Amino acid sequence: FTGITGRYVKLEETISSFERLVAGEFDQYPEQAFFMAGGIDDVIEKANQMAKA
């Protein structure tokens, strides 16, 4: 539907990223950076690209 290639994220990475997210570690990143992202590395990369634009 979206034309965006899916990403596989390991369970361990998902749990670790969620714990960090709930702890507030990524509060400085815009909500849009999380949309349609795979792992947390994708979120950080998208946020950095958004900041440059």
C-alpha atoms as a PDB file:
ATOM      1  CA  PHE A   1       0.000   0.000   0.000  1.00  0.00           C
ATOM      2  CA  THR A   2       2.721   2.481   0.916  1.00  0.00           C
ATOM      3  CA  GLY A   3       5.437   1.475  -1.520  1.00  0.00           C
ATOM      4  CA  ILE A   4       7.940   1.576   1.350  1.00  0.00           C
ATOM      5  CA  THR A   5      10.059  -1.524   1.849  1.00  0.00           C
ATOM      6  CA  GLY A   6       9.476  -3.213   5.198  1.00  0.00           C
ATOM      7  CA  ARG A   7      12.205  -3.716   7.782  1.00  0.00           C
ATOM      8  CA  TYR A   8      12.908  -6.669  10.051  1.00  0.00           C
ATOM      9  CA  VAL A   9      13.733  -5.672  13.621  1.00  0.00           C
ATOM     10  CA  LYS A  10      14.943  -8.336  16.039  1.00  0.00           C
ATOM     11  CA  LEU A  11      12.858  -8.863  19.163  1.00  0.00           C
ATOM     12  CA  GLU A  12      15.762  -7.917  21.437  1.00  0.00           C
ATOM     13  CA  GLU A  13      16.249  -4.623  19.597  1.00  0.00           C
ATOM     14  CA  THR A  14      12.521  -3.902  19.727  1.00  0.00           C
ATOM     15  CA  ILE A  15      12.373  -4.439  23.492  1.00  0.00           C
ATOM     16  CA  SER A  16      15.547  -2.440  24.132  1.00  0.00           C
ATOM     17  CA  SER A  17      14.356   0.448  21.961  1.00  0.00           C
ATOM     18  CA  PHE A  18      10.943   0.449  23.628  1.00  0.00           C
ATOM     19  CA  GLU A  19      12.500   0.596  27.101  1.00  0.00           C
ATOM     20  CA  ARG A  20      14.683   3.508  26.008  1.00  0.00           C
ATOM     21  CA  LEU A  21      11.686   5.234  24.408  1.00  0.00           C
ATOM     22  CA  VAL A  22       9.575   4.911  27.558  1.00  0.00           C
ATOM     23  CA  ALA A  23      12.499   6.219  29.632  1.00  0.00           C
ATOM     24  CA  GLY A  24      12.400   9.418  27.558  1.00  0.00           C
ATOM     25  CA  GLU A  25      15.704   8.952  25.764  1.00  0.00           C
ATOM     26  CA  PHE A  26      14.197   9.979  22.420  1.00  0.00           C
ATOM     27  CA  ASP A  27      11.906  12.795  23.559  1.00  0.00           C
ATOM     28  CA  GLN A  28      13.927  15.336  21.565  1.00  0.00           C
ATOM     29  CA  TYR A  29      13.104  13.634  18.255  1.00  0.00           C
ATOM     30  CA  PRO A  30      10.051  14.808  16.295  1.00  0.00           C
ATOM     31  CA  GLU A  31       7.083  12.463  16.151  1.00  0.00           C
ATOM     32  CA  GLN A  32       7.329  12.348  12.355  1.00  0.00           C
ATOM     33  CA  ALA A  33      10.744  10.651  12.626  1.00  0.00           C
ATOM     34  CA  PHE A  34       9.065   7.613  14.200  1.00  0.00           C
ATOM     35  CA  PHE A  35       6.447   7.231  11.467  1.00  0.00           C
ATOM     36  CA  MET A  36       7.080   4.231   9.208  1.00  0.00           C
ATOM     37  CA  ALA A  37      10.517   3.653  10.774  1.00  0.00           C
ATOM     38  CA  GLY A  38      12.045   0.234  11.404  1.00  0.00           C
ATOM     39  CA  GLY A  39      14.523   0.240  14.257  1.00  0.00           C
ATOM     40  CA  ILE A  40      15.590   3.121  16.433  1.00  0.00           C
ATOM     41  CA  ASP A  41      18.589   3.711  14.150  1.00  0.00           C
ATOM     42  CA  ASP A  42      16.107   4.531  11.378  1.00  0.00           C
ATOM     43  CA  VAL A  43      14.383   7.026  13.675  1.00  0.00           C
ATOM     44  CA  ILE A  44      17.659   8.754  14.508  1.00  0.00           C
ATOM     45  CA  GLU A  45      18.643   8.893  10.832  1.00  0.00           C
ATOM     46  CA  LYS A  46      15.254  10.323   9.813  1.00  0.00           C
ATOM     47  CA  ALA A  47      15.421  12.919  12.600  1.00  0.00           C
ATOM     48  CA  ASN A  48      18.892  14.006  11.486  1.00  0.00           C
ATOM     49  CA  GLN A  49      17.704  14.311   7.870  1.00  0.00           C
ATOM     50  CA  MET A  50      14.706  16.342   8.999  1.00  0.00           C
ATOM     51  CA  ALA A  51      16.966  18.681  10.981  1.00  0.00           C
ATOM     52  CA  LYS A  52      19.111  19.340   7.895  1.00  0.00           C
ATOM     53  CA  ALA A  53      16.090  20.222   5.755  1.00  0.00           C
END
